[in-house]
Amino acid sequence: MGYAIFAFALVFFLIVGNVQIHTSSQTDQSSSVSADHLATDMLRLAGAVNDWRYSRTLSDGPLTVSQFGMVPAPDSRISAAISGGRLWIWSAGTSGLAASLATQSDDSALACTVSGGRLKMSDGTDMNLSLPAGVAEGNVVYLN
């Protein structure tokens, strides 16, 4: 009888452990998909703004993402601005976003993060640029 209880307990713990591993795996996959989607939208927005800038001028300041008529609209967590003639696109640093943005931009030096109040490339090199209003510590930035 003791062996049956032990065997039952062992099977129970194996099943529970497998369910927990499976749930953790699903969470990791969903955050990866979210980061990939966010990075894709950041690059789509950069392309749309650059196309817009080809025939129009944009003055320094925040941009209204809806003005570029993108379909589908980019993720609402993305912000953009023109500062010093450069296009800044950023979002809060969600898990995997910096890596996904680097991968999708072919490891561009323009895929950066804000650390210590400074804009830094993926290798840690300081870009020596002043941050526009709204860009905060931990943000992932695509600069163009």
Protein backbone atom coordinates (compact mmCIF):
# COMPACT_ATOMS: atom_id res chain seq x y z
CA MET A 1 0.00 0.00 0.00
CA GLY A 2 2.85 2.39 0.84
CA TYR A 3 4.38 1.88 -2.58
CA ALA A 4 1.10 2.73 -4.31
CA ILE A 5 0.81 6.02 -2.43
CA PHE A 6 4.44 6.83 -3.21
CA ALA A 7 3.94 6.00 -6.92
CA PHE A 8 0.75 8.08 -7.05
CA ALA A 9 2.51 11.05 -5.40
CA LEU A 10 5.44 10.75 -7.81
CA VAL A 11 3.15 10.74 -10.86
CA PHE A 12 1.18 13.67 -9.45
CA PHE A 13 4.33 15.80 -8.95
CA LEU A 14 5.60 14.93 -12.43
CA ILE A 15 2.33 16.07 -13.98
CA VAL A 16 2.23 19.30 -11.94
CA GLY A 17 5.87 20.05 -12.80
CA ASN A 18 5.21 19.52 -16.51
CA VAL A 19 2.21 21.86 -16.42
CA GLN A 20 4.30 24.57 -14.72
CA ILE A 21 7.11 24.22 -17.28
CA HIS A 22 4.60 24.34 -20.14
CA THR A 23 2.95 27.50 -18.73
CA SER A 24 6.34 29.18 -18.31
CA SER A 25 7.27 28.29 -21.88
CA GLN A 26 4.03 29.79 -23.19
CA THR A 27 4.67 33.02 -21.25
CA ASP A 28 8.18 33.29 -22.71
CA GLN A 29 6.85 32.69 -26.22
CA SER A 30 4.10 35.30 -25.88
CA SER A 31 6.52 37.97 -24.60
CA SER A 32 8.86 37.15 -27.50
CA VAL A 33 5.99 37.54 -29.99
CA SER A 34 5.02 40.84 -28.35
CA ALA A 35 8.61 42.13 -28.55
CA ASP A 36 8.89 41.05 -32.19
CA HIS A 37 5.60 42.79 -33.03
CA LEU A 38 6.67 45.97 -31.24
CA ALA A 39 10.07 46.01 -33.00
CA THR A 40 8.37 45.44 -36.36
CA ASP A 41 6.01 48.34 -35.72
CA MET A 42 8.91 50.61 -34.70
CA LEU A 43 10.68 49.88 -37.99
CA ARG A 44 7.45 50.24 -39.99
CA LEU A 45 6.91 53.64 -38.39
CA ALA A 46 10.48 54.68 -39.22
CA GLY A 47 9.87 53.77 -42.85
CA ALA A 48 6.55 55.63 -42.97
CA VAL A 49 8.00 58.78 -41.38
CA ASN A 50 11.01 58.73 -43.70
CA ASP A 51 8.70 58.37 -46.72
CA TRP A 52 6.67 61.30 -45.40
CA ARG A 53 9.81 63.39 -44.87
CA TYR A 54 10.86 62.80 -48.46
CA SER A 55 8.16 65.16 -49.74
CA ARG A 56 7.36 67.20 -46.60
CA THR A 57 9.20 68.78 -43.75
CA LEU A 58 8.65 67.95 -40.12
CA SER A 59 9.69 70.41 -37.45
CA ASP A 60 11.25 69.38 -34.15
CA GLY A 61 8.80 68.05 -31.61
CA PRO A 62 6.60 65.06 -30.88
CA LEU A 63 4.90 63.27 -33.77
CA THR A 64 1.33 62.05 -33.91
CA VAL A 65 1.70 58.51 -35.19
CA SER A 66 -1.78 58.55 -36.78
CA GLN A 67 -0.79 61.36 -39.18
CA PHE A 68 1.16 58.90 -41.33
CA GLY A 69 -1.91 56.80 -42.23
CA MET A 70 -0.37 53.44 -41.44
CA VAL A 71 -2.64 50.40 -41.72
CA PRO A 72 -2.69 48.65 -39.37
CA ALA A 73 -1.81 51.40 -36.93
CA PRO A 74 1.42 50.86 -34.98
CA ASP A 75 1.33 49.63 -31.41
CA SER A 76 0.10 52.38 -29.08
CA ARG A 77 3.14 51.88 -26.80
CA ILE A 78 5.37 53.47 -29.46
CA SER A 79 6.23 57.17 -29.33
CA ALA A 80 8.05 59.28 -31.89
CA ALA A 81 9.59 62.73 -32.19
CA ILE A 82 11.89 64.78 -34.36
CA SER A 83 14.76 66.24 -32.36
CA GLY A 84 17.77 67.97 -33.84
CA GLY A 85 16.61 66.88 -37.29
CA ARG A 86 16.72 63.20 -36.27
CA LEU A 87 13.81 60.82 -36.02
CA TRP A 88 13.50 59.20 -32.59
CA ILE A 89 11.17 56.24 -32.16
CA TRP A 90 10.97 54.64 -28.72
CA SER A 91 9.05 52.35 -26.45
CA ALA A 92 9.39 51.14 -22.90
CA GLY A 93 11.97 48.38 -22.67
CA THR A 94 9.84 45.25 -22.61
CA SER A 95 11.45 41.83 -22.36
CA GLY A 96 13.25 40.98 -25.60
CA LEU A 97 12.51 44.27 -27.39
CA ALA A 98 16.12 45.48 -27.64
CA ALA A 99 17.28 42.13 -29.02
CA SER A 100 14.38 41.89 -31.47
CA LEU A 101 14.92 45.45 -32.71
CA ALA A 102 18.63 44.77 -33.20
CA THR A 103 17.89 41.57 -35.11
CA GLN A 104 15.18 43.09 -37.29
CA SER A 105 17.34 46.13 -38.10
CA ASP A 106 20.28 43.89 -39.07
CA ASP A 107 22.18 44.84 -35.91
CA SER A 108 22.01 48.53 -36.78
CA ALA A 109 23.98 50.86 -34.53
CA LEU A 110 20.82 52.98 -34.50
CA ALA A 111 18.96 50.45 -32.34
CA CYS A 112 19.80 51.79 -28.87
CA THR A 113 18.76 51.79 -25.24
CA VAL A 114 18.67 54.52 -22.62
CA SER A 115 20.88 53.71 -19.66
CA GLY A 116 22.13 56.09 -17.02
CA GLY A 117 20.26 58.92 -18.75
CA ARG A 118 22.36 58.41 -21.89
CA LEU A 119 21.54 56.90 -25.29
CA LYS A 120 23.77 53.87 -25.80
CA MET A 121 24.34 51.50 -28.69
CA SER A 122 24.04 47.77 -28.08
CA ASP A 123 27.78 47.53 -27.36
CA GLY A 124 27.47 50.21 -24.65
CA THR A 125 28.97 53.07 -26.66
CA ASP A 126 27.45 56.43 -25.66
CA MET A 127 25.86 58.19 -28.66
CA ASN A 128 26.50 61.60 -27.03
CA LEU A 129 23.07 62.89 -27.97
CA SER A 130 20.62 64.83 -25.82
CA LEU A 131 17.41 62.90 -25.23
CA PRO A 132 14.20 64.52 -26.46
CA ALA A 133 11.30 65.01 -24.07
CA GLY A 134 9.53 61.76 -23.31
CA VAL A 135 12.50 59.42 -23.75
CA ALA A 136 13.18 57.85 -20.36
CA GLU A 137 15.50 55.45 -18.59
CA GLY A 138 15.16 51.90 -19.90
CA ASN A 139 13.49 52.89 -23.18
CA VAL A 140 14.47 51.12 -26.37
CA VAL A 141 15.11 53.66 -29.13
CA TYR A 142 15.42 53.47 -32.89
CA LEU A 143 17.24 56.54 -34.13
CA ASN A 144 17.20 57.69 -37.73
